[in-house]
Amino acid sequence: RKAFVGLAVYSGSKFFVEGFSQALRLETAGTGVRVTTIQPGDVNSELTTHNQEIDGEAFKDFISDADSSQPVLDPHNIGEAVFYAISQPSHVAINEILVEPAHAPV
C-alpha cells in the first residue's frame, strides 16, 4: 500500500501480491478456497537487520520517519491476525487484514 524510495523491487513485490491475491480470489470463488492477505506494518523481526545489511542507505531513509520511542509490532501480533482469518466460519471470507502499529497508520 506504500512505496519506498530505494526499495522499488520490495514495494513492487508487495503490490504484486495484492493483485495476485485479488485475481486468485476471483478464480476460486465458489470452490471453498479462501484467499486472505495479511499486510503487516513495522514488525520487530530479523528482516529489519537483513534489510540494513543489503542496502544501508535505503534502509536509513526508510527508518528516518520512524519514531523509535513508539513500539512496533511483535510477530505474535501477526500470528493473531492469521488465526483470526482462519478461524472464521466457512461462509465468511476475510479478504485482507492490514496490521499497523497504532502510532503509524498507513
PDB file of N, CA and C in Angstrom:
ATOM      1  N   ARG A   1       0.808  -1.203   0.000  1.00  0.00           N
ATOM      2  CA  ARG A   1       0.000   0.000   0.000  1.00  0.00           C
ATOM      3  C   ARG A   1       0.849   1.264   0.000  1.00  0.00           C
ATOM      4  N   LYS A   2       2.143   1.071   0.129  1.00  0.00           N
ATOM      5  CA  LYS A   2       3.018   2.232   0.171  1.00  0.00           C
ATOM      6  C   LYS A   2       4.334   1.870  -0.500  1.00  0.00           C
ATOM      7  N   ALA A   3       4.827   2.768  -1.345  1.00  0.00           N
ATOM      8  CA  ALA A   3       6.111   2.555  -2.000  1.00  0.00           C
ATOM      9  C   ALA A   3       7.205   3.286  -1.225  1.00  0.00           C
ATOM     10  N   PHE A   4       8.434   2.766  -1.317  1.00  0.00           N
ATOM     11  CA  PHE A   4       9.557   3.353  -0.598  1.00  0.00           C
ATOM     12  C   PHE A   4      10.701   3.656  -1.557  1.00  0.00           C
ATOM     13  N   VAL A   5      11.282   4.841  -1.442  1.00  0.00           N
ATOM     14  CA  VAL A   5      12.428   5.227  -2.249  1.00  0.00           C
ATOM     15  C   VAL A   5      13.578   4.262  -1.962  1.00  0.00           C
ATOM     16  N   GLY A   6      14.227   3.773  -3.019  1.00  0.00           N
ATOM     17  CA  GLY A   6      15.343   2.848  -2.862  1.00  0.00           C
ATOM     18  C   GLY A   6      14.934   1.408  -2.653  1.00  0.00           C
ATOM     19  N   LEU A   7      13.640   1.169  -2.534  1.00  0.00           N
ATOM     20  CA  LEU A   7      13.143  -0.193  -2.312  1.00  0.00           C
ATOM     21  C   LEU A   7      12.071  -0.527  -3.347  1.00  0.00           C
ATOM     22  N   ALA A   8      12.357  -0.208  -4.608  1.00  0.00           N
ATOM     23  CA  ALA A   8      11.367  -0.393  -5.675  1.00  0.00           C
ATOM     24  C   ALA A   8      10.965  -1.855  -5.850  1.00  0.00           C
ATOM     25  N   VAL A   9      11.930  -2.759  -5.822  1.00  0.00           N
ATOM     26  CA  VAL A   9      11.605  -4.176  -6.008  1.00  0.00           C
ATOM     27  C   VAL A   9      10.757  -4.674  -4.845  1.00  0.00           C
ATOM     28  N   TYR A  10      11.134  -4.309  -3.634  1.00  0.00           N
ATOM     29  CA  TYR A  10      10.353  -4.694  -2.452  1.00  0.00           C
ATOM     30  C   TYR A  10       8.933  -4.144  -2.567  1.00  0.00           C
ATOM     31  N   SER A  11       8.809  -2.851  -2.881  1.00  0.00           N
ATOM     32  CA  SER A  11       7.487  -2.230  -2.998  1.00  0.00           C
ATOM     33  C   SER A  11       6.672  -2.883  -4.107  1.00  0.00           C
ATOM     34  N   GLY A  12       7.312  -3.122  -5.248  1.00  0.00           N
ATOM     35  CA  GLY A  12       6.621  -3.750  -6.368  1.00  0.00           C
ATOM     36  C   GLY A  12       6.126  -5.148  -6.049  1.00  0.00           C
ATOM     37  N   SER A  13       6.929  -5.897  -5.291  1.00  0.00           N
ATOM     38  CA  SER A  13       6.511  -7.255  -4.942  1.00  0.00           C
ATOM     39  C   SER A  13       5.292  -7.234  -4.030  1.00  0.00           C
ATOM     40  N   LYS A  14       5.203  -6.224  -3.164  1.00  0.00           N
ATOM     41  CA  LYS A  14       4.033  -6.113  -2.292  1.00  0.00           C
ATOM     42  C   LYS A  14       2.778  -5.820  -3.119  1.00  0.00           C
ATOM     43  N   PHE A  15       2.901  -4.923  -4.111  1.00  0.00           N
ATOM     44  CA  PHE A  15       1.766  -4.616  -4.969  1.00  0.00           C
ATOM     45  C   PHE A  15       1.368  -5.839  -5.798  1.00  0.00           C
ATOM     46  N   PHE A  16       2.350  -6.610  -6.245  1.00  0.00           N
ATOM     47  CA  PHE A  16       2.069  -7.827  -6.999  1.00  0.00           C
ATOM     48  C   PHE A  16       1.224  -8.789  -6.168  1.00  0.00           C
ATOM     49  N   VAL A  17       1.589  -8.967  -4.911  1.00  0.00           N
ATOM     50  CA  VAL A  17       0.859  -9.902  -4.049  1.00  0.00           C
ATOM     51  C   VAL A  17      -0.596  -9.475  -3.916  1.00  0.00           C
ATOM     52  N   GLU A  18      -0.861  -8.172  -3.819  1.00  0.00           N
ATOM     53  CA  GLU A  18      -2.245  -7.708  -3.729  1.00  0.00           C
ATOM     54  C   GLU A  18      -3.027  -8.065  -4.989  1.00  0.00           C
ATOM     55  N   GLY A  19      -2.464  -7.777  -6.162  1.00  0.00           N
ATOM     56  CA  GLY A  19      -3.149  -8.075  -7.427  1.00  0.00           C
ATOM     57  C   GLY A  19      -3.333  -9.562  -7.638  1.00  0.00           C
ATOM     58  N   PHE A  20      -2.289 -10.331  -7.357  1.00  0.00           N
ATOM     59  CA  PHE A  20      -2.359 -11.786  -7.496  1.00  0.00           C
ATOM     60  C   PHE A  20      -3.443 -12.355  -6.587  1.00  0.00           C
ATOM     61  N   SER A  21      -3.499 -11.878  -5.358  1.00  0.00           N
ATOM     62  CA  SER A  21      -4.488 -12.383  -4.399  1.00  0.00           C
ATOM     63  C   SER A  21      -5.901 -12.048  -4.832  1.00  0.00           C
ATOM     64  N   GLN A  22      -6.106 -10.843  -5.362  1.00  0.00           N
ATOM     65  CA  GLN A  22      -7.434 -10.468  -5.843  1.00  0.00           C
ATOM     66  C   GLN A  22      -7.866 -11.376  -6.991  1.00  0.00           C
ATOM     67  N   ALA A  23      -6.959 -11.630  -7.930  1.00  0.00           N
ATOM     68  CA  ALA A  23      -7.287 -12.500  -9.058  1.00  0.00           C
ATOM     69  C   ALA A  23      -7.550 -13.931  -8.591  1.00  0.00           C
ATOM     70  N   LEU A  24      -6.725 -14.421  -7.692  1.00  0.00           N
ATOM     71  CA  LEU A  24      -6.901 -15.778  -7.169  1.00  0.00           C
ATOM     72  C   LEU A  24      -8.229 -15.900  -6.428  1.00  0.00           C
ATOM     73  N   ARG A  25      -8.605 -14.856  -5.705  1.00  0.00           N
ATOM     74  CA  ARG A  25      -9.884 -14.847  -5.007  1.00  0.00           C
ATOM     75  C   ARG A  25     -11.035 -15.005  -5.994  1.00  0.00           C
ATOM     76  N   LEU A  26     -10.950 -14.290  -7.114  1.00  0.00           N
ATOM     77  CA  LEU A  26     -11.995 -14.380  -8.139  1.00  0.00           C
ATOM     78  C   LEU A  26     -12.012 -15.748  -8.811  1.00  0.00           C
ATOM     79  N   GLU A  27     -10.833 -16.266  -9.104  1.00  0.00           N
ATOM     80  CA  GLU A  27     -10.734 -17.563  -9.789  1.00  0.00           C
ATOM     81  C   GLU A  27     -11.222 -18.723  -8.934  1.00  0.00           C
ATOM     82  N   THR A  28     -11.115 -18.605  -7.629  1.00  0.00           N
ATOM     83  CA  THR A  28     -11.501 -19.712  -6.745  1.00  0.00           C
ATOM     84  C   THR A  28     -12.857 -19.498  -6.076  1.00  0.00           C
ATOM     85  N   ALA A  29     -13.541 -18.416  -6.432  1.00  0.00           N
ATOM     86  CA  ALA A  29     -14.852 -18.135  -5.830  1.00  0.00           C
ATOM     87  C   ALA A  29     -15.789 -19.326  -6.026  1.00  0.00           C
ATOM     88  N   GLY A  30     -16.466 -19.701  -4.954  1.00  0.00           N
ATOM     89  CA  GLY A  30     -17.423 -20.790  -5.019  1.00  0.00           C
ATOM     90  C   GLY A  30     -16.824 -22.172  -4.847  1.00  0.00           C
ATOM     91  N   THR A  31     -15.523 -22.264  -4.654  1.00  0.00           N
ATOM     92  CA  THR A  31     -14.877 -23.573  -4.510  1.00  0.00           C
ATOM     93  C   THR A  31     -14.588 -23.946  -3.052  1.00  0.00           C
ATOM     94  N   GLY A  32     -14.828 -23.001  -2.151  1.00  0.00           N
ATOM     95  CA  GLY A  32     -14.497 -23.244  -0.742  1.00  0.00           C
ATOM     96  C   GLY A  32     -13.105 -22.775  -0.364  1.00  0.00           C
ATOM     97  N   VAL A  33     -12.335 -22.362  -1.359  1.00  0.00           N
ATOM     98  CA  VAL A  33     -10.997 -21.830  -1.084  1.00  0.00           C
ATOM     99  C   VAL A  33     -11.135 -20.363  -0.699  1.00  0.00           C
ATOM    100  N   ARG A  34     -10.499 -19.984   0.384  1.00  0.00           N
ATOM    101  CA  ARG A  34     -10.499 -18.581   0.814  1.00  0.00           C
ATOM    102  C   ARG A  34      -9.077 -18.043   0.710  1.00  0.00           C
ATOM    103  N   VAL A  35      -8.952 -16.855   0.156  1.00  0.00           N
ATOM    104  CA  VAL A  35      -7.646 -16.221  -0.024  1.00  0.00           C
ATOM    105  C   VAL A  35      -7.609 -14.970   0.836  1.00  0.00           C
ATOM    106  N   THR A  36      -6.662 -14.929   1.746  1.00  0.00           N
ATOM    107  CA  THR A  36      -6.504 -13.789   2.652  1.00  0.00           C
ATOM    108  C   THR A  36      -5.095 -13.249   2.539  1.00  0.00           C
ATOM    109  N   THR A  37      -4.976 -11.932   2.454  1.00  0.00           N
ATOM    110  CA  THR A  37      -3.652 -11.316   2.543  1.00  0.00           C
ATOM    111  C   THR A  37      -3.529 -10.656   3.907  1.00  0.00           C
ATOM    112  N   ILE A  38      -2.435 -10.943   4.565  1.00  0.00           N
ATOM    113  CA  ILE A  38      -2.108 -10.302   5.838  1.00  0.00           C
ATOM    114  C   ILE A  38      -1.003  -9.295   5.520  1.00  0.00           C
ATOM    115  N   GLN A  39      -1.261  -8.036   5.763  1.00  0.00           N
ATOM    116  CA  GLN A  39      -0.313  -6.984   5.418  1.00  0.00           C
ATOM    117  C   GLN A  39       0.200  -6.325   6.694  1.00  0.00           C
ATOM    118  N   PRO A  40       1.345  -6.783   7.175  1.00  0.00           N
ATOM    119  CA  PRO A  40       1.876  -6.213   8.413  1.00  0.00           C
ATOM    120  C   PRO A  40       2.649  -4.927   8.186  1.00  0.00           C
ATOM    121  N   GLY A  41       2.566  -4.043   9.163  1.00  0.00           N
ATOM    122  CA  GLY A  41       3.395  -2.839   9.160  1.00  0.00           C
ATOM    123  C   GLY A  41       4.750  -3.173   9.745  1.00  0.00           C
ATOM    124  N   ASP A  42       5.316  -2.261  10.492  1.00  0.00           N
ATOM    125  CA  ASP A  42       6.641  -2.464  11.082  1.00  0.00           C
ATOM    126  C   ASP A  42       6.587  -3.548  12.160  1.00  0.00           C
ATOM    127  N   VAL A  43       7.344  -4.617  11.917  1.00  0.00           N
ATOM    128  CA  VAL A  43       7.382  -5.748  12.842  1.00  0.00           C
ATOM    129  C   VAL A  43       8.817  -5.929  13.327  1.00  0.00           C
ATOM    130  N   ASN A  44       8.972  -6.161  14.602  1.00  0.00           N
ATOM    131  CA  ASN A  44      10.289  -6.427  15.181  1.00  0.00           C
ATOM    132  C   ASN A  44      10.698  -7.840  14.767  1.00  0.00           C
ATOM    133  N   SER A  45      11.515  -7.925  13.694  1.00  0.00           N
ATOM    134  CA  SER A  45      11.904  -9.233  13.172  1.00  0.00           C
ATOM    135  C   SER A  45      13.314  -9.171  12.588  1.00  0.00           C
ATOM    136  N   GLU A  46      13.795 -10.323  12.137  1.00  0.00           N
ATOM    137  CA  GLU A  46      15.122 -10.399  11.526  1.00  0.00           C
ATOM    138  C   GLU A  46      15.178  -9.647  10.203  1.00  0.00           C
ATOM    139  N   LEU A  47      14.044  -9.408   9.562  1.00  0.00           N
ATOM    140  CA  LEU A  47      14.017  -8.704   8.287  1.00  0.00           C
ATOM    141  C   LEU A  47      14.614  -7.300   8.422  1.00  0.00           C
ATOM    142  N   THR A  48      14.387  -6.657   9.560  1.00  0.00           N
ATOM    143  CA  THR A  48      14.925  -5.323   9.780  1.00  0.00           C
ATOM    144  C   THR A  48      16.444  -5.329   9.672  1.00  0.00           C
ATOM    145  N   THR A  49      17.091  -6.241  10.344  1.00  0.00           N
ATOM    146  CA  THR A  49      18.549  -6.344  10.294  1.00  0.00           C
ATOM    147  C   THR A  49      19.004  -6.736   8.897  1.00  0.00           C
ATOM    148  N   HIS A  50      18.308  -7.657   8.262  1.00  0.00           N
ATOM    149  CA  HIS A  50      18.665  -8.117   6.926  1.00  0.00           C
ATOM    150  C   HIS A  50      18.614  -6.968   5.923  1.00  0.00           C
ATOM    151  N   ASN A  51      17.551  -6.145   5.974  1.00  0.00           N
ATOM    152  CA  ASN A  51      17.426  -5.016   5.055  1.00  0.00           C
ATOM    153  C   ASN A  51      18.556  -4.019   5.242  1.00  0.00           C
ATOM    154  N   GLN A  52      18.979  -3.820   6.462  1.00  0.00           N
ATOM    155  CA  GLN A  52      20.053  -2.874   6.744  1.00  0.00           C
ATOM    156  C   GLN A  52      21.360  -3.341   6.100  1.00  0.00           C
ATOM    157  N   GLU A  53      21.576  -4.655   6.097  1.00  0.00           N
ATOM    158  CA  GLU A  53      22.795  -5.209   5.508  1.00  0.00           C
ATOM    159  C   GLU A  53      22.780  -5.125   3.986  1.00  0.00           C
ATOM    160  N   ILE A  54      21.613  -5.262   3.365  1.00  0.00           N
ATOM    161  CA  ILE A  54      21.508  -5.268   1.909  1.00  0.00           C
ATOM    162  C   ILE A  54      21.717  -3.866   1.334  1.00  0.00           C
ATOM    163  N   ASP A  55      21.006  -2.890   1.833  1.00  0.00           N
ATOM    164  CA  ASP A  55      21.093  -1.532   1.298  1.00  0.00           C
ATOM    165  C   ASP A  55      20.976  -0.546   2.448  1.00  0.00           C
ATOM    166  N   GLY A  56      22.110  -0.247   3.052  1.00  0.00           N
ATOM    167  CA  GLY A  56      22.128   0.610   4.236  1.00  0.00           C
ATOM    168  C   GLY A  56      21.529   1.975   4.002  1.00  0.00           C
ATOM    169  N   GLU A  57      21.768   2.571   2.831  1.00  0.00           N
ATOM    170  CA  GLU A  57      21.250   3.911   2.550  1.00  0.00           C
ATOM    171  C   GLU A  57      19.730   3.910   2.431  1.00  0.00           C
ATOM    172  N   ALA A  58      19.183   2.955   1.687  1.00  0.00           N
ATOM    173  CA  ALA A  58      17.723   2.858   1.549  1.00  0.00           C
ATOM    174  C   ALA A  58      17.080   2.560   2.897  1.00  0.00           C
ATOM    175  N   PHE A  59      17.744   1.704   3.676  1.00  0.00           N
ATOM    176  CA  PHE A  59      17.217   1.368   4.993  1.00  0.00           C
ATOM    177  C   PHE A  59      17.188   2.610   5.881  1.00  0.00           C
ATOM    178  N   LYS A  60      18.242   3.405   5.819  1.00  0.00           N
ATOM    179  CA  LYS A  60      18.322   4.617   6.637  1.00  0.00           C
ATOM    180  C   LYS A  60      17.195   5.577   6.274  1.00  0.00           C
ATOM    181  N   ASP A  61      16.927   5.745   4.971  1.00  0.00           N
ATOM    182  CA  ASP A  61      15.828   6.604   4.528  1.00  0.00           C
ATOM    183  C   ASP A  61      14.486   6.043   4.990  1.00  0.00           C
ATOM    184  N   PHE A  62      14.364   4.723   4.918  1.00  0.00           N
ATOM    185  CA  PHE A  62      13.118   4.057   5.301  1.00  0.00           C
ATOM    186  C   PHE A  62      12.793   4.276   6.778  1.00  0.00           C
ATOM    187  N   ILE A  63      13.793   4.146   7.640  1.00  0.00           N
ATOM    188  CA  ILE A  63      13.525   4.269   9.075  1.00  0.00           C
ATOM    189  C   ILE A  63      13.630   5.699   9.595  1.00  0.00           C
ATOM    190  N   SER A  64      14.046   6.643   8.752  1.00  0.00           N
ATOM    191  CA  SER A  64      14.190   8.020   9.224  1.00  0.00           C
ATOM    192  C   SER A  64      12.860   8.602   9.680  1.00  0.00           C
ATOM    193  N   ASP A  65      11.774   8.109   9.114  1.00  0.00           N
ATOM    194  CA  ASP A  65      10.446   8.582   9.512  1.00  0.00           C
ATOM    195  C   ASP A  65       9.923   7.868  10.756  1.00  0.00           C
ATOM    196  N   ALA A  66      10.586   6.812  11.159  1.00  0.00           N
ATOM    197  CA  ALA A  66      10.103   6.015  12.289  1.00  0.00           C
ATOM    198  C   ALA A  66      10.360   6.739  13.602  1.00  0.00           C
ATOM    199  N   ASP A  67       9.448   6.584  14.522  1.00  0.00           N
ATOM    200  CA  ASP A  67       9.587   7.151  15.858  1.00  0.00           C
ATOM    201  C   ASP A  67      10.044   6.031  16.780  1.00  0.00           C
ATOM    202  N   SER A  68      11.311   6.047  17.130  1.00  0.00           N
ATOM    203  CA  SER A  68      11.876   4.940  17.909  1.00  0.00           C
ATOM    204  C   SER A  68      11.322   4.862  19.325  1.00  0.00           C
ATOM    205  N   SER A  69      10.627   5.899  19.768  1.00  0.00           N
ATOM    206  CA  SER A  69      10.046   5.847  21.115  1.00  0.00           C
ATOM    207  C   SER A  69       8.725   5.072  21.135  1.00  0.00           C
ATOM    208  N   GLN A  70       8.187   4.765  19.964  1.00  0.00           N
ATOM    209  CA  GLN A  70       6.923   4.052  19.866  1.00  0.00           C
ATOM    210  C   GLN A  70       7.176   2.576  19.549  1.00  0.00           C
ATOM    211  N   PRO A  71       6.398   1.696  20.137  1.00  0.00           N
ATOM    212  CA  PRO A  71       6.605   0.259  19.873  1.00  0.00           C
ATOM    213  C   PRO A  71       6.164  -0.137  18.475  1.00  0.00           C
ATOM    214  N   VAL A  72       6.877  -1.096  17.900  1.00  0.00           N
ATOM    215  CA  VAL A  72       6.460  -1.694  16.637  1.00  0.00           C
ATOM    216  C   VAL A  72       5.740  -2.997  16.950  1.00  0.00           C
ATOM    217  N   LEU A  73       5.241  -3.639  15.933  1.00  0.00           N
ATOM    218  CA  LEU A  73       4.510  -4.884  16.122  1.00  0.00           C
ATOM    219  C   LEU A  73       5.444  -6.022  16.512  1.00  0.00           C
ATOM    220  N   ASP A  74       4.899  -6.950  17.227  1.00  0.00           N
ATOM    221  CA  ASP A  74       5.589  -8.183  17.589  1.00  0.00           C
ATOM    222  C   ASP A  74       5.091  -9.269  16.629  1.00  0.00           C
ATOM    223  N   PRO A  75       5.932 -10.214  16.243  1.00  0.00           N
ATOM    224  CA  PRO A  75       5.458 -11.284  15.353  1.00  0.00           C
ATOM    225  C   PRO A  75       4.187 -11.975  15.862  1.00  0.00           C
ATOM    226  N   HIS A  76       4.025 -12.034  17.177  1.00  0.00           N
ATOM    227  CA  HIS A  76       2.821 -12.642  17.758  1.00  0.00           C
ATOM    228  C   HIS A  76       1.558 -11.891  17.314  1.00  0.00           C
ATOM    229  N   ASN A  77       1.657 -10.565  17.154  1.00  0.00           N
ATOM    230  CA  ASN A  77       0.506  -9.782  16.696  1.00  0.00           C
ATOM    231  C   ASN A  77       0.055 -10.239  15.312  1.00  0.00           C
ATOM    232  N   ILE A  78       1.007 -10.571  14.454  1.00  0.00           N
ATOM    233  CA  ILE A  78       0.674 -11.025  13.108  1.00  0.00           C
ATOM    234  C   ILE A  78       0.080 -12.433  13.169  1.00  0.00           C
ATOM    235  N   GLY A  79       0.626 -13.267  14.039  1.00  0.00           N
ATOM    236  CA  GLY A  79       0.076 -14.607  14.230  1.00  0.00           C
ATOM    237  C   GLY A  79      -1.380 -14.567  14.659  1.00  0.00           C
ATOM    238  N   GLU A  80      -1.725 -13.610  15.503  1.00  0.00           N
ATOM    239  CA  GLU A  80      -3.113 -13.468  15.937  1.00  0.00           C
ATOM    240  C   GLU A  80      -4.023 -13.084  14.775  1.00  0.00           C
ATOM    241  N   ALA A  81      -3.515 -12.259  13.864  1.00  0.00           N
ATOM    242  CA  ALA A  81      -4.299 -11.886  12.686  1.00  0.00           C
ATOM    243  C   ALA A  81      -4.536 -13.102  11.796  1.00  0.00           C
ATOM    244  N   VAL A  82      -3.514 -13.921  11.619  1.00  0.00           N
ATOM    245  CA  VAL A  82      -3.653 -15.150  10.826  1.00  0.00           C
ATOM    246  C   VAL A  82      -4.688 -16.064  11.473  1.00  0.00           C
ATOM    247  N   PHE A  83      -4.581 -16.239  12.785  1.00  0.00           N
ATOM    248  CA  PHE A  83      -5.535 -17.098  13.491  1.00  0.00           C
ATOM    249  C   PHE A  83      -6.960 -16.587  13.320  1.00  0.00           C
ATOM    250  N   TYR A  84      -7.134 -15.280  13.419  1.00  0.00           N
ATOM    251  CA  TYR A  84      -8.459 -14.698  13.238  1.00  0.00           C
ATOM    252  C   TYR A  84      -9.022 -15.066  11.861  1.00  0.00           C
ATOM    253  N   ALA A  85      -8.200 -14.902  10.827  1.00  0.00           N
ATOM    254  CA  ALA A  85      -8.668 -15.163   9.461  1.00  0.00           C
ATOM    255  C   ALA A  85      -9.064 -16.623   9.267  1.00  0.00           C
ATOM    256  N   ILE A  86      -8.267 -17.544   9.767  1.00  0.00           N
ATOM    257  CA  ILE A  86      -8.548 -18.966   9.520  1.00  0.00           C
ATOM    258  C   ILE A  86      -9.597 -19.550  10.457  1.00  0.00           C
ATOM    259  N   SER A  87      -9.937 -18.816  11.516  1.00  0.00           N
ATOM    260  CA  SER A  87     -10.908 -19.359  12.469  1.00  0.00           C
ATOM    261  C   SER A  87     -12.346 -18.929  12.171  1.00  0.00           C
ATOM    262  N   GLN A  88     -12.556 -18.240  11.074  1.00  0.00           N
ATOM    263  CA  GLN A  88     -13.905 -17.798  10.713  1.00  0.00           C
ATOM    264  C   GLN A  88     -14.704 -18.949  10.104  1.00  0.00           C
ATOM    265  N   PRO A  89     -16.025 -18.884  10.243  1.00  0.00           N
ATOM    266  CA  PRO A  89     -16.868 -19.923   9.628  1.00  0.00           C
ATOM    267  C   PRO A  89     -16.650 -19.960   8.114  1.00  0.00           C
ATOM    268  N   SER A  90     -16.993 -21.078   7.500  1.00  0.00           N
ATOM    269  CA  SER A  90     -16.716 -21.276   6.079  1.00  0.00           C
ATOM    270  C   SER A  90     -17.432 -20.283   5.160  1.00  0.00           C
ATOM    271  N   HIS A  91     -18.503 -19.670   5.631  1.00  0.00           N
ATOM    272  CA  HIS A  91     -19.217 -18.709   4.789  1.00  0.00           C
ATOM    273  C   HIS A  91     -18.658 -17.294   4.902  1.00  0.00           C
ATOM    274  N   VAL A  92     -17.612 -17.108   5.712  1.00  0.00           N
ATOM    275  CA  VAL A  92     -17.013 -15.790   5.916  1.00  0.00           C
ATOM    276  C   VAL A  92     -15.649 -15.742   5.227  1.00  0.00           C
ATOM    277  N   ALA A  93     -15.456 -14.733   4.399  1.00  0.00           N
ATOM    278  CA  ALA A  93     -14.165 -14.545   3.725  1.00  0.00           C
ATOM    279  C   ALA A  93     -13.514 -13.279   4.280  1.00  0.00           C
ATOM    280  N   ILE A  94     -12.355 -13.436   4.862  1.00  0.00           N
ATOM    281  CA  ILE A  94     -11.556 -12.289   5.287  1.00  0.00           C
ATOM    282  C   ILE A  94     -10.566 -12.043   4.155  1.00  0.00           C
ATOM    283  N   ASN A  95     -10.845 -11.082   3.308  1.00  0.00           N
ATOM    284  CA  ASN A  95     -10.026 -10.860   2.120  1.00  0.00           C
ATOM    285  C   ASN A  95      -8.656 -10.287   2.460  1.00  0.00           C
ATOM    286  N   GLU A  96      -8.604  -9.342   3.357  1.00  0.00           N
ATOM    287  CA  GLU A  96      -7.317  -8.775   3.732  1.00  0.00           C
ATOM    288  C   GLU A  96      -7.369  -8.207   5.139  1.00  0.00           C
ATOM    289  N   ILE A  97      -6.211  -8.250   5.764  1.00  0.00           N
ATOM    290  CA  ILE A  97      -6.054  -7.668   7.099  1.00  0.00           C
ATOM    291  C   ILE A  97      -4.802  -6.805   7.055  1.00  0.00           C
ATOM    292  N   LEU A  98      -4.966  -5.531   7.375  1.00  0.00           N
ATOM    293  CA  LEU A  98      -3.850  -4.599   7.453  1.00  0.00           C
ATOM    294  C   LEU A  98      -3.553  -4.378   8.929  1.00  0.00           C
ATOM    295  N   VAL A  99      -2.359  -4.747   9.362  1.00  0.00           N
ATOM    296  CA  VAL A  99      -1.980  -4.626  10.775  1.00  0.00           C
ATOM    297  C   VAL A  99      -0.835  -3.630  10.873  1.00  0.00           C
ATOM    298  N   GLU A 100      -1.078  -2.510  11.521  1.00  0.00           N
ATOM    299  CA  GLU A 100      -0.092  -1.446  11.661  1.00  0.00           C
ATOM    300  C   GLU A 100       0.101  -1.096  13.127  1.00  0.00           C
ATOM    301  N   PRO A 101       1.285  -0.608  13.502  1.00  0.00           N
ATOM    302  CA  PRO A 101       1.429  -0.059  14.842  1.00  0.00           C
ATOM    303  C   PRO A 101       0.455   1.118  14.987  1.00  0.00           C
ATOM    304  N   ALA A 102      -0.127   1.296  16.160  1.00  0.00           N
ATOM    305  CA  ALA A 102      -1.141   2.329  16.366  1.00  0.00           C
ATOM    306  C   ALA A 102      -0.617   3.727  16.064  1.00  0.00           C
ATOM    307  N   HIS A 103       0.656   3.972  16.270  1.00  0.00           N
ATOM    308  CA  HIS A 103       1.223   5.310  16.046  1.00  0.00           C
ATOM    309  C   HIS A 103       1.606   5.560  14.599  1.00  0.00           C
ATOM    310  N   ALA A 104       1.529   4.531  13.748  1.00  0.00           N
ATOM    311  CA  ALA A 104       1.971   4.689  12.354  1.00  0.00           C
ATOM    312  C   ALA A 104       0.955   4.108  11.376  1.00  0.00           C
ATOM    313  N   PRO A 105      -0.262   4.659  11.350  1.00  0.00           N
ATOM    314  CA  PRO A 105      -1.228   4.139  10.383  1.00  0.00           C
ATOM    315  C   PRO A 105      -0.798   4.489   8.971  1.00  0.00           C
ATOM    316  N   VAL A 106      -1.362   3.786   8.002  1.00  0.00           N
ATOM    317  CA  VAL A 106      -0.990   3.983   6.594  1.00  0.00           C
ATOM    318  C   VAL A 106      -1.113   5.394   6.160  1.00  0.00           C
TER     319      VAL A 106
END
